[in-house]
């Protein structure tokens, strides 16, 4: 099964170039930018005002439009960032749905269902973060990046479990007892890691839900901050464990591949 490209696995950081391009496109396409110039061009075309007065009026309108957008710069940027995040999340969801479809077509409906639960939880967390006005942008970005890493890591692990199951249940060449034992151990470890990842994601959602509750912070004290910090720390821990497990699984998987000589011997 093909792996999901790394470029799709995280939304952040959003490049300054992409942000500027979208900002100019939105500003120039807005009626608030070009509509004020219509009376000026109308006066020049139909009332016959002189070129000097036309230039002065255009300059005045330009200054006014620039002043308006300068005053609404932060609001415009926040809207663009929210749109870019939503677009990135949608592309990620499509990529994960593609992995689910491949797992299902390979006969692993249970893995498809598992990844579907992770995808649903990812969508809930991202929707809450987009709507949050109480969580800092830095914290929102960190949480979403860690959640992305965890969920895509689970997609990789489920794919690997399916590959291990194929090798164990339908080996292309006979497995030695040691190879079979090693593959079975790998499969158990990955399955345990997926269960731990699900618990961590659920705890992250619970803490996030408390943080975003309407009554939080009214007394000036954020009682859920330590809980959210704990969830973030666990997400980081899961990310590091997943990385180490993936590296070791790759090494073990390569070590258990039959050699070219063995393949030639079996084919005779």
C-alpha atoms as a PDB file:
ATOM      1  CA  UNK A   1       0.000   0.000   0.000  1.00  0.00           C
ATOM      2  CA  UNK A   2       1.300   3.429  -0.894  1.00  0.00           C
ATOM      3  CA  UNK A   3       2.286   5.784   1.920  1.00  0.00           C
ATOM      4  CA  UNK A   4       0.667   9.187   2.364  1.00  0.00           C
ATOM      5  CA  UNK A   5       3.061  11.958   1.176  1.00  0.00           C
ATOM      6  CA  UNK A   6       4.778  13.867   3.967  1.00  0.00           C
ATOM      7  CA  UNK A   7       3.603  17.184   2.476  1.00  0.00           C
ATOM      8  CA  UNK A   8       0.007  16.301   3.419  1.00  0.00           C
ATOM      9  CA  UNK A   9       0.720  15.206   6.964  1.00  0.00           C
ATOM     10  CA  UNK A  10       0.784  18.601   8.617  1.00  0.00           C
ATOM     11  CA  UNK A  11      -0.945  21.938   8.099  1.00  0.00           C
ATOM     12  CA  UNK A  12       1.689  24.071   9.776  1.00  0.00           C
ATOM     13  CA  UNK A  13       3.676  26.111   9.264  1.00  0.00           C
ATOM     14  CA  UNK A  14       1.666  28.080   6.705  1.00  0.00           C
ATOM     15  CA  UNK A  15       4.132  29.725   4.331  1.00  0.00           C
ATOM     16  CA  UNK A  16       4.287  33.515   4.260  1.00  0.00           C
ATOM     17  CA  UNK A  17       4.175  33.429   0.460  1.00  0.00           C
ATOM     18  CA  UNK A  18       0.929  31.477   0.409  1.00  0.00           C
ATOM     19  CA  UNK A  19      -0.561  33.821   2.997  1.00  0.00           C
ATOM     20  CA  UNK A  20       0.441  36.957   1.064  1.00  0.00           C
ATOM     21  CA  UNK A  21      -0.846  35.575  -2.225  1.00  0.00           C
ATOM     22  CA  UNK A  22      -4.207  34.695  -0.715  1.00  0.00           C
ATOM     23  CA  UNK A  23      -4.382  38.065   1.040  1.00  0.00           C
ATOM     24  CA  UNK A  24      -3.806  40.028  -2.183  1.00  0.00           C
ATOM     25  CA  UNK A  25      -6.243  37.855  -4.094  1.00  0.00           C
ATOM     26  CA  UNK A  26      -8.953  38.363  -1.488  1.00  0.00           C
ATOM     27  CA  UNK A  27      -8.345  42.092  -1.134  1.00  0.00           C
ATOM     28  CA  UNK A  28      -8.208  42.815  -4.854  1.00  0.00           C
ATOM     29  CA  UNK A  29     -11.302  40.728  -5.537  1.00  0.00           C
ATOM     30  CA  UNK A  30     -13.348  42.380  -2.818  1.00  0.00           C
ATOM     31  CA  UNK A  31     -15.943  45.047  -3.779  1.00  0.00           C
ATOM     32  CA  UNK A  32     -14.571  47.062  -0.867  1.00  0.00           C
ATOM     33  CA  UNK A  33     -11.422  47.537  -2.942  1.00  0.00           C
ATOM     34  CA  UNK A  34     -12.733  48.315  -6.421  1.00  0.00           C
ATOM     35  CA  UNK A  35     -16.265  49.666  -5.820  1.00  0.00           C
ATOM     36  CA  UNK A  36     -15.077  53.058  -4.423  1.00  0.00           C
ATOM     37  CA  UNK A  37     -13.326  53.737  -7.743  1.00  0.00           C
ATOM     38  CA  UNK A  38     -16.518  53.401  -9.808  1.00  0.00           C
ATOM     39  CA  UNK A  39     -17.861  56.925  -9.098  1.00  0.00           C
ATOM     40  CA  UNK A  40     -14.449  58.393  -9.946  1.00  0.00           C
ATOM     41  CA  UNK A  41     -14.245  56.615 -13.293  1.00  0.00           C
ATOM     42  CA  UNK A  42     -17.878  57.493 -13.927  1.00  0.00           C
ATOM     43  CA  UNK A  43     -17.196  61.154 -13.301  1.00  0.00           C
ATOM     44  CA  UNK A  44     -14.190  61.067 -15.633  1.00  0.00           C
ATOM     45  CA  UNK A  45     -16.090  59.270 -18.402  1.00  0.00           C
ATOM     46  CA  UNK A  46     -19.450  61.020 -18.257  1.00  0.00           C
ATOM     47  CA  UNK A  47     -18.910  64.341 -16.489  1.00  0.00           C
ATOM     48  CA  UNK A  48     -15.708  65.271 -18.225  1.00  0.00           C
ATOM     49  CA  UNK A  49     -13.663  66.129 -15.154  1.00  0.00           C
ATOM     50  CA  UNK A  50     -10.072  67.038 -15.927  1.00  0.00           C
ATOM     51  CA  UNK A  51      -7.159  64.634 -15.700  1.00  0.00           C
ATOM     52  CA  UNK A  52      -5.706  66.455 -12.694  1.00  0.00           C
ATOM     53  CA  UNK A  53      -8.924  66.203 -10.689  1.00  0.00           C
ATOM     54  CA  UNK A  54      -9.316  62.603 -11.795  1.00  0.00           C
ATOM     55  CA  UNK A  55      -5.815  61.804 -10.511  1.00  0.00           C
ATOM     56  CA  UNK A  56      -6.472  63.555  -7.204  1.00  0.00           C
ATOM     57  CA  UNK A  57      -9.723  61.651  -6.705  1.00  0.00           C
ATOM     58  CA  UNK A  58      -8.042  58.324  -7.554  1.00  0.00           C
ATOM     59  CA  UNK A  59      -5.258  59.073  -5.087  1.00  0.00           C
ATOM     60  CA  UNK A  60      -7.765  59.930  -2.383  1.00  0.00           C
ATOM     61  CA  UNK A  61      -9.760  56.750  -2.962  1.00  0.00           C
ATOM     62  CA  UNK A  62      -6.559  54.673  -2.982  1.00  0.00           C
ATOM     63  CA  UNK A  63      -5.484  56.144   0.350  1.00  0.00           C
ATOM     64  CA  UNK A  64      -8.923  55.482   1.792  1.00  0.00           C
ATOM     65  CA  UNK A  65      -8.972  51.850   0.600  1.00  0.00           C
ATOM     66  CA  UNK A  66      -5.435  51.271   1.880  1.00  0.00           C
ATOM     67  CA  UNK A  67      -6.376  52.774   5.243  1.00  0.00           C
ATOM     68  CA  UNK A  68      -9.411  50.499   5.438  1.00  0.00           C
ATOM     69  CA  UNK A  69      -7.450  47.321   4.741  1.00  0.00           C
ATOM     70  CA  UNK A  70      -4.701  48.388   7.130  1.00  0.00           C
ATOM     71  CA  UNK A  71      -7.281  48.694   9.874  1.00  0.00           C
ATOM     72  CA  UNK A  72      -8.759  45.291   9.021  1.00  0.00           C
ATOM     73  CA  UNK A  73      -5.413  43.563   8.398  1.00  0.00           C
ATOM     74  CA  UNK A  74      -5.550  41.261  11.414  1.00  0.00           C
ATOM     75  CA  UNK A  75      -9.155  40.239  10.790  1.00  0.00           C
ATOM     76  CA  UNK A  76      -8.405  39.530   7.124  1.00  0.00           C
ATOM     77  CA  UNK A  77      -5.317  37.485   8.009  1.00  0.00           C
ATOM     78  CA  UNK A  78      -7.217  35.433  10.575  1.00  0.00           C
ATOM     79  CA  UNK A  79      -9.931  34.673   8.017  1.00  0.00           C
ATOM     80  CA  UNK A  80      -7.354  33.576   5.456  1.00  0.00           C
ATOM     81  CA  UNK A  81      -5.494  31.393   7.953  1.00  0.00           C
ATOM     82  CA  UNK A  82      -8.766  29.747   8.990  1.00  0.00           C
ATOM     83  CA  UNK A  83      -9.601  29.072   5.327  1.00  0.00           C
ATOM     84  CA  UNK A  84      -6.140  27.623   4.624  1.00  0.00           C
ATOM     85  CA  UNK A  85      -6.360  25.385   7.701  1.00  0.00           C
ATOM     86  CA  UNK A  86      -9.795  24.121   6.683  1.00  0.00           C
ATOM     87  CA  UNK A  87      -8.560  23.398   3.144  1.00  0.00           C
ATOM     88  CA  UNK A  88      -5.509  21.547   4.449  1.00  0.00           C
ATOM     89  CA  UNK A  89      -7.632  19.495   6.846  1.00  0.00           C
ATOM     90  CA  UNK A  90      -9.965  18.507   4.015  1.00  0.00           C
ATOM     91  CA  UNK A  91      -7.030  17.308   1.898  1.00  0.00           C
ATOM     92  CA  UNK A  92      -5.679  15.345   4.864  1.00  0.00           C
ATOM     93  CA  UNK A  93      -9.061  13.729   5.436  1.00  0.00           C
ATOM     94  CA  UNK A  94      -9.204  12.671   1.786  1.00  0.00           C
ATOM     95  CA  UNK A  95      -5.753  11.104   2.065  1.00  0.00           C
ATOM     96  CA  UNK A  96      -6.757   9.177   5.193  1.00  0.00           C
ATOM     97  CA  UNK A  97      -9.993   8.096   3.508  1.00  0.00           C
ATOM     98  CA  UNK A  98      -7.855   6.760   0.669  1.00  0.00           C
ATOM     99  CA  UNK A  99      -5.864   4.657   3.127  1.00  0.00           C
ATOM    100  CA  UNK A 100      -9.119   3.374   4.590  1.00  0.00           C
ATOM    101  CA  UNK A 101     -10.314   2.371   1.120  1.00  0.00           C
ATOM    102  CA  UNK A 102      -7.056   0.523   0.421  1.00  0.00           C
ATOM    103  CA  UNK A 103      -7.246  -1.332   3.734  1.00  0.00           C
ATOM    104  CA  UNK A 104     -10.828  -2.314   3.043  1.00  0.00           C
ATOM    105  CA  UNK A 105     -10.067  -3.535  -0.467  1.00  0.00           C
ATOM    106  CA  UNK A 106      -7.216  -5.616   0.958  1.00  0.00           C
ATOM    107  CA  UNK A 107      -9.683  -7.374   3.252  1.00  0.00           C
ATOM    108  CA  UNK A 108      -8.951  -5.517   6.487  1.00  0.00           C
ATOM    109  CA  UNK A 109     -12.347  -4.024   7.317  1.00  0.00           C
ATOM    110  CA  UNK A 110     -11.492  -3.930  11.032  1.00  0.00           C
ATOM    111  CA  UNK A 111      -8.448  -1.736  10.333  1.00  0.00           C
ATOM    112  CA  UNK A 112     -10.626   0.491   8.164  1.00  0.00           C
ATOM    113  CA  UNK A 113     -13.061   0.940  11.036  1.00  0.00           C
ATOM    114  CA  UNK A 114     -10.243   1.710  13.466  1.00  0.00           C
ATOM    115  CA  UNK A 115      -8.745   4.378  11.225  1.00  0.00           C
ATOM    116  CA  UNK A 116     -12.233   5.809  10.690  1.00  0.00           C
ATOM    117  CA  UNK A 117     -12.570   6.361  14.437  1.00  0.00           C
ATOM    118  CA  UNK A 118      -9.231   8.168  14.547  1.00  0.00           C
ATOM    119  CA  UNK A 119     -10.263  10.301  11.570  1.00  0.00           C
ATOM    120  CA  UNK A 120     -13.550  11.236  13.242  1.00  0.00           C
ATOM    121  CA  UNK A 121     -11.756  12.254  16.434  1.00  0.00           C
ATOM    122  CA  UNK A 122      -9.234  14.267  14.426  1.00  0.00           C
ATOM    123  CA  UNK A 123     -12.083  16.141  12.735  1.00  0.00           C
ATOM    124  CA  UNK A 124     -13.766  16.897  16.075  1.00  0.00           C
ATOM    125  CA  UNK A 125     -10.559  18.297  17.569  1.00  0.00           C
ATOM    126  CA  UNK A 126      -9.767  20.394  14.493  1.00  0.00           C
ATOM    127  CA  UNK A 127     -13.286  21.823  14.335  1.00  0.00           C
ATOM    128  CA  UNK A 128     -13.106  22.801  18.010  1.00  0.00           C
ATOM    129  CA  UNK A 129      -9.702  24.431  17.535  1.00  0.00           C
ATOM    130  CA  UNK A 130     -10.914  26.459  14.554  1.00  0.00           C
ATOM    131  CA  UNK A 131     -13.863  27.753  16.552  1.00  0.00           C
ATOM    132  CA  UNK A 132     -11.837  28.468  19.679  1.00  0.00           C
ATOM    133  CA  UNK A 133     -11.269  32.080  20.669  1.00  0.00           C
ATOM    134  CA  UNK A 134      -9.791  31.276  24.088  1.00  0.00           C
ATOM    135  CA  UNK A 135      -6.822  29.155  23.041  1.00  0.00           C
ATOM    136  CA  UNK A 136      -3.710  30.940  21.759  1.00  0.00           C
ATOM    137  CA  UNK A 137      -2.822  30.463  18.066  1.00  0.00           C
ATOM    138  CA  UNK A 138       0.480  28.877  19.049  1.00  0.00           C
ATOM    139  CA  UNK A 139      -1.237  26.300  21.254  1.00  0.00           C
ATOM    140  CA  UNK A 140      -3.847  25.569  18.583  1.00  0.00           C
ATOM    141  CA  UNK A 141      -1.145  24.986  15.983  1.00  0.00           C
ATOM    142  CA  UNK A 142       0.878  22.744  18.285  1.00  0.00           C
ATOM    143  CA  UNK A 143      -2.119  20.629  19.263  1.00  0.00           C
ATOM    144  CA  UNK A 144      -3.279  20.234  15.667  1.00  0.00           C
ATOM    145  CA  UNK A 145       0.230  19.361  14.453  1.00  0.00           C
ATOM    146  CA  UNK A 146       0.626  16.718  17.163  1.00  0.00           C
ATOM    147  CA  UNK A 147      -2.830  15.281  16.440  1.00  0.00           C
ATOM    148  CA  UNK A 148      -1.988  15.132  12.720  1.00  0.00           C
ATOM    149  CA  UNK A 149       1.257  13.334  13.497  1.00  0.00           C
ATOM    150  CA  UNK A 150      -0.498  10.839  15.731  1.00  0.00           C
ATOM    151  CA  UNK A 151      -3.335  10.037  13.315  1.00  0.00           C
ATOM    152  CA  UNK A 152      -1.099   9.703  10.257  1.00  0.00           C
ATOM    153  CA  UNK A 153       1.247   7.578  12.349  1.00  0.00           C
ATOM    154  CA  UNK A 154      -1.670   5.297  13.165  1.00  0.00           C
ATOM    155  CA  UNK A 155      -2.512   5.078   9.454  1.00  0.00           C
ATOM    156  CA  UNK A 156       1.078   3.965   8.816  1.00  0.00           C
ATOM    157  CA  UNK A 157       0.912   1.446  11.653  1.00  0.00           C
ATOM    158  CA  UNK A 158      -2.371  -0.050  10.493  1.00  0.00           C
ATOM    159  CA  UNK A 159      -0.913  -0.413   7.020  1.00  0.00           C
ATOM    160  CA  UNK A 160       2.122  -2.137   8.500  1.00  0.00           C
ATOM    161  CA  UNK A 161      -0.072  -4.462  10.571  1.00  0.00           C
ATOM    162  CA  UNK A 162      -1.881  -5.449   7.380  1.00  0.00           C
ATOM    163  CA  UNK A 163       1.435  -6.106   5.651  1.00  0.00           C
ATOM    164  CA  UNK A 164       2.658  -8.190   8.591  1.00  0.00           C
ATOM    165  CA  UNK A 165      -0.598 -10.149   8.591  1.00  0.00           C
ATOM    166  CA  UNK A 166      -0.176 -10.830   4.876  1.00  0.00           C
ATOM    167  CA  UNK A 167       3.318 -12.170   5.470  1.00  0.00           C
ATOM    168  CA  UNK A 168       2.184 -14.302   8.399  1.00  0.00           C
ATOM    169  CA  UNK A 169      -1.036 -15.649   6.902  1.00  0.00           C
ATOM    170  CA  UNK A 170      -0.049 -15.773   3.238  1.00  0.00           C
ATOM    171  CA  UNK A 171       3.751 -15.987   3.122  1.00  0.00           C
ATOM    172  CA  UNK A 172       5.350 -15.889  -0.323  1.00  0.00           C
ATOM    173  CA  UNK A 173       8.060 -18.184   1.037  1.00  0.00           C
ATOM    174  CA  UNK A 174       7.946 -20.403   4.147  1.00  0.00           C
ATOM    175  CA  UNK A 175       8.846 -18.567   7.355  1.00  0.00           C
ATOM    176  CA  UNK A 176      11.325 -19.962   9.814  1.00  0.00           C
ATOM    177  CA  UNK A 177      10.093 -20.175  13.437  1.00  0.00           C
ATOM    178  CA  UNK A 178      12.302 -17.243  14.414  1.00  0.00           C
ATOM    179  CA  UNK A 179      11.016 -15.068  11.562  1.00  0.00           C
ATOM    180  CA  UNK A 180       7.425 -15.927  12.379  1.00  0.00           C
ATOM    181  CA  UNK A 181       7.962 -15.166  16.060  1.00  0.00           C
ATOM    182  CA  UNK A 182       9.560 -11.827  15.207  1.00  0.00           C
ATOM    183  CA  UNK A 183       6.742 -10.799  12.890  1.00  0.00           C
ATOM    184  CA  UNK A 184       4.101 -11.791  15.442  1.00  0.00           C
ATOM    185  CA  UNK A 185       5.908  -9.758  18.124  1.00  0.00           C
ATOM    186  CA  UNK A 186       6.038  -6.755  15.797  1.00  0.00           C
ATOM    187  CA  UNK A 187       2.321  -7.057  15.108  1.00  0.00           C
ATOM    188  CA  UNK A 188       1.489  -7.204  18.829  1.00  0.00           C
ATOM    189  CA  UNK A 189       3.643  -4.179  19.609  1.00  0.00           C
ATOM    190  CA  UNK A 190       2.074  -2.109  16.844  1.00  0.00           C
ATOM    191  CA  UNK A 191      -1.436  -3.108  17.966  1.00  0.00           C
ATOM    192  CA  UNK A 192      -0.620  -2.067  21.543  1.00  0.00           C
ATOM    193  CA  UNK A 193       0.756   1.245  20.296  1.00  0.00           C
ATOM    194  CA  UNK A 194      -2.449   1.916  18.341  1.00  0.00           C
ATOM    195  CA  UNK A 195      -4.532   1.292  21.476  1.00  0.00           C
ATOM    196  CA  UNK A 196      -2.359   3.705  23.477  1.00  0.00           C
ATOM    197  CA  UNK A 197      -2.654   6.294  20.707  1.00  0.00           C
ATOM    198  CA  UNK A 198      -6.450   6.030  20.850  1.00  0.00           C
ATOM    199  CA  UNK A 199      -6.440   6.594  24.611  1.00  0.00           C
ATOM    200  CA  UNK A 200      -4.173   9.623  24.188  1.00  0.00           C
ATOM    201  CA  UNK A 201      -6.373  11.099  21.467  1.00  0.00           C
ATOM    202  CA  UNK A 202      -9.462  10.592  23.607  1.00  0.00           C
ATOM    203  CA  UNK A 203      -7.825  12.278  26.578  1.00  0.00           C
ATOM    204  CA  UNK A 204      -6.770  15.170  24.357  1.00  0.00           C
ATOM    205  CA  UNK A 205     -10.374  15.638  23.252  1.00  0.00           C
ATOM    206  CA  UNK A 206     -11.629  15.500  26.849  1.00  0.00           C
ATOM    207  CA  UNK A 207      -9.142  18.124  28.011  1.00  0.00           C
ATOM    208  CA  UNK A 208      -9.770  20.271  24.956  1.00  0.00           C
ATOM    209  CA  UNK A 209     -13.516  20.096  25.528  1.00  0.00           C
ATOM    210  CA  UNK A 210     -13.041  21.331  29.084  1.00  0.00           C
ATOM    211  CA  UNK A 211     -10.814  24.167  27.927  1.00  0.00           C
ATOM    212  CA  UNK A 212     -13.327  25.317  25.336  1.00  0.00           C
ATOM    213  CA  UNK A 213     -16.347  25.102  27.659  1.00  0.00           C
ATOM    214  CA  UNK A 214     -18.270  28.401  27.800  1.00  0.00           C
ATOM    215  CA  UNK A 215     -17.738  28.958  31.537  1.00  0.00           C
ATOM    216  CA  UNK A 216     -13.973  28.472  31.608  1.00  0.00           C
ATOM    217  CA  UNK A 217     -11.707  31.312  32.594  1.00  0.00           C
ATOM    218  CA  UNK A 218     -14.432  33.619  33.938  1.00  0.00           C
ATOM    219  CA  UNK A 219     -12.601  33.971  37.224  1.00  0.00           C
ATOM    220  CA  UNK A 220      -9.310  34.709  35.522  1.00  0.00           C
ATOM    221  CA  UNK A 221      -7.896  31.263  36.280  1.00  0.00           C
ATOM    222  CA  UNK A 222      -7.676  28.559  33.663  1.00  0.00           C
ATOM    223  CA  UNK A 223      -8.118  25.402  35.732  1.00  0.00           C
ATOM    224  CA  UNK A 224      -7.804  23.158  32.687  1.00  0.00           C
ATOM    225  CA  UNK A 225      -4.438  24.480  31.580  1.00  0.00           C
ATOM    226  CA  UNK A 226      -2.444  21.805  33.399  1.00  0.00           C
ATOM    227  CA  UNK A 227      -4.706  19.112  31.985  1.00  0.00           C
ATOM    228  CA  UNK A 228      -4.194  20.358  28.448  1.00  0.00           C
ATOM    229  CA  UNK A 229      -0.455  20.570  29.017  1.00  0.00           C
ATOM    230  CA  UNK A 230      -0.564  16.942  30.106  1.00  0.00           C
ATOM    231  CA  UNK A 231      -2.459  15.955  26.967  1.00  0.00           C
ATOM    232  CA  UNK A 232       0.055  17.804  24.784  1.00  0.00           C
ATOM    233  CA  UNK A 233       2.939  16.115  26.600  1.00  0.00           C
ATOM    234  CA  UNK A 234       1.339  12.732  25.981  1.00  0.00           C
ATOM    235  CA  UNK A 235       0.855  13.571  22.304  1.00  0.00           C
ATOM    236  CA  UNK A 236       4.550  14.420  22.072  1.00  0.00           C
ATOM    237  CA  UNK A 237       5.416  11.185  23.867  1.00  0.00           C
ATOM    238  CA  UNK A 238       3.213   9.186  21.483  1.00  0.00           C
ATOM    239  CA  UNK A 239       4.875  10.900  18.530  1.00  0.00           C
ATOM    240  CA  UNK A 240       8.348   9.955  19.766  1.00  0.00           C
ATOM    241  CA  UNK A 241       7.343   6.364  20.526  1.00  0.00           C
ATOM    242  CA  UNK A 242       5.718   6.023  17.106  1.00  0.00           C
ATOM    243  CA  UNK A 243       8.898   7.287  15.460  1.00  0.00           C
ATOM    244  CA  UNK A 244      11.099   4.806  17.341  1.00  0.00           C
ATOM    245  CA  UNK A 245       8.702   1.926  16.735  1.00  0.00           C
ATOM    246  CA  UNK A 246       8.487   2.762  13.026  1.00  0.00           C
ATOM    247  CA  UNK A 247      12.289   2.844  12.705  1.00  0.00           C
ATOM    248  CA  UNK A 248      12.681  -0.460  14.481  1.00  0.00           C
ATOM    249  CA  UNK A 249       9.845  -2.053  12.502  1.00  0.00           C
ATOM    250  CA  UNK A 250      11.496  -0.975   9.266  1.00  0.00           C
ATOM    251  CA  UNK A 251      14.769  -2.524  10.385  1.00  0.00           C
ATOM    252  CA  UNK A 252      13.060  -5.719  11.540  1.00  0.00           C
ATOM    253  CA  UNK A 253      10.971  -5.920   8.387  1.00  0.00           C
ATOM    254  CA  UNK A 254      14.041  -5.626   6.189  1.00  0.00           C
ATOM    255  CA  UNK A 255      15.839  -8.220   8.290  1.00  0.00           C
ATOM    256  CA  UNK A 256      13.015 -10.706   7.848  1.00  0.00           C
ATOM    257  CA  UNK A 257      12.817 -10.306   4.062  1.00  0.00           C
ATOM    258  CA  UNK A 258      14.001 -13.466   2.287  1.00  0.00           C
ATOM    259  CA  UNK A 259      17.312 -13.061   0.535  1.00  0.00           C
ATOM    260  CA  UNK A 260      17.618 -13.197  -3.245  1.00  0.00           C
ATOM    261  CA  UNK A 261      19.393 -16.520  -2.887  1.00  0.00           C
ATOM    262  CA  UNK A 262      16.502 -17.937  -0.870  1.00  0.00           C
ATOM    263  CA  UNK A 263      13.967 -16.733  -3.441  1.00  0.00           C
ATOM    264  CA  UNK A 264      15.938 -18.379  -6.235  1.00  0.00           C
ATOM    265  CA  UNK A 265      16.179 -21.613  -4.255  1.00  0.00           C
ATOM    266  CA  UNK A 266      12.414 -21.631  -3.552  1.00  0.00           C
ATOM    267  CA  UNK A 267      11.563 -20.941  -7.167  1.00  0.00           C
ATOM    268  CA  UNK A 268      13.447 -24.035  -8.401  1.00  0.00           C
END
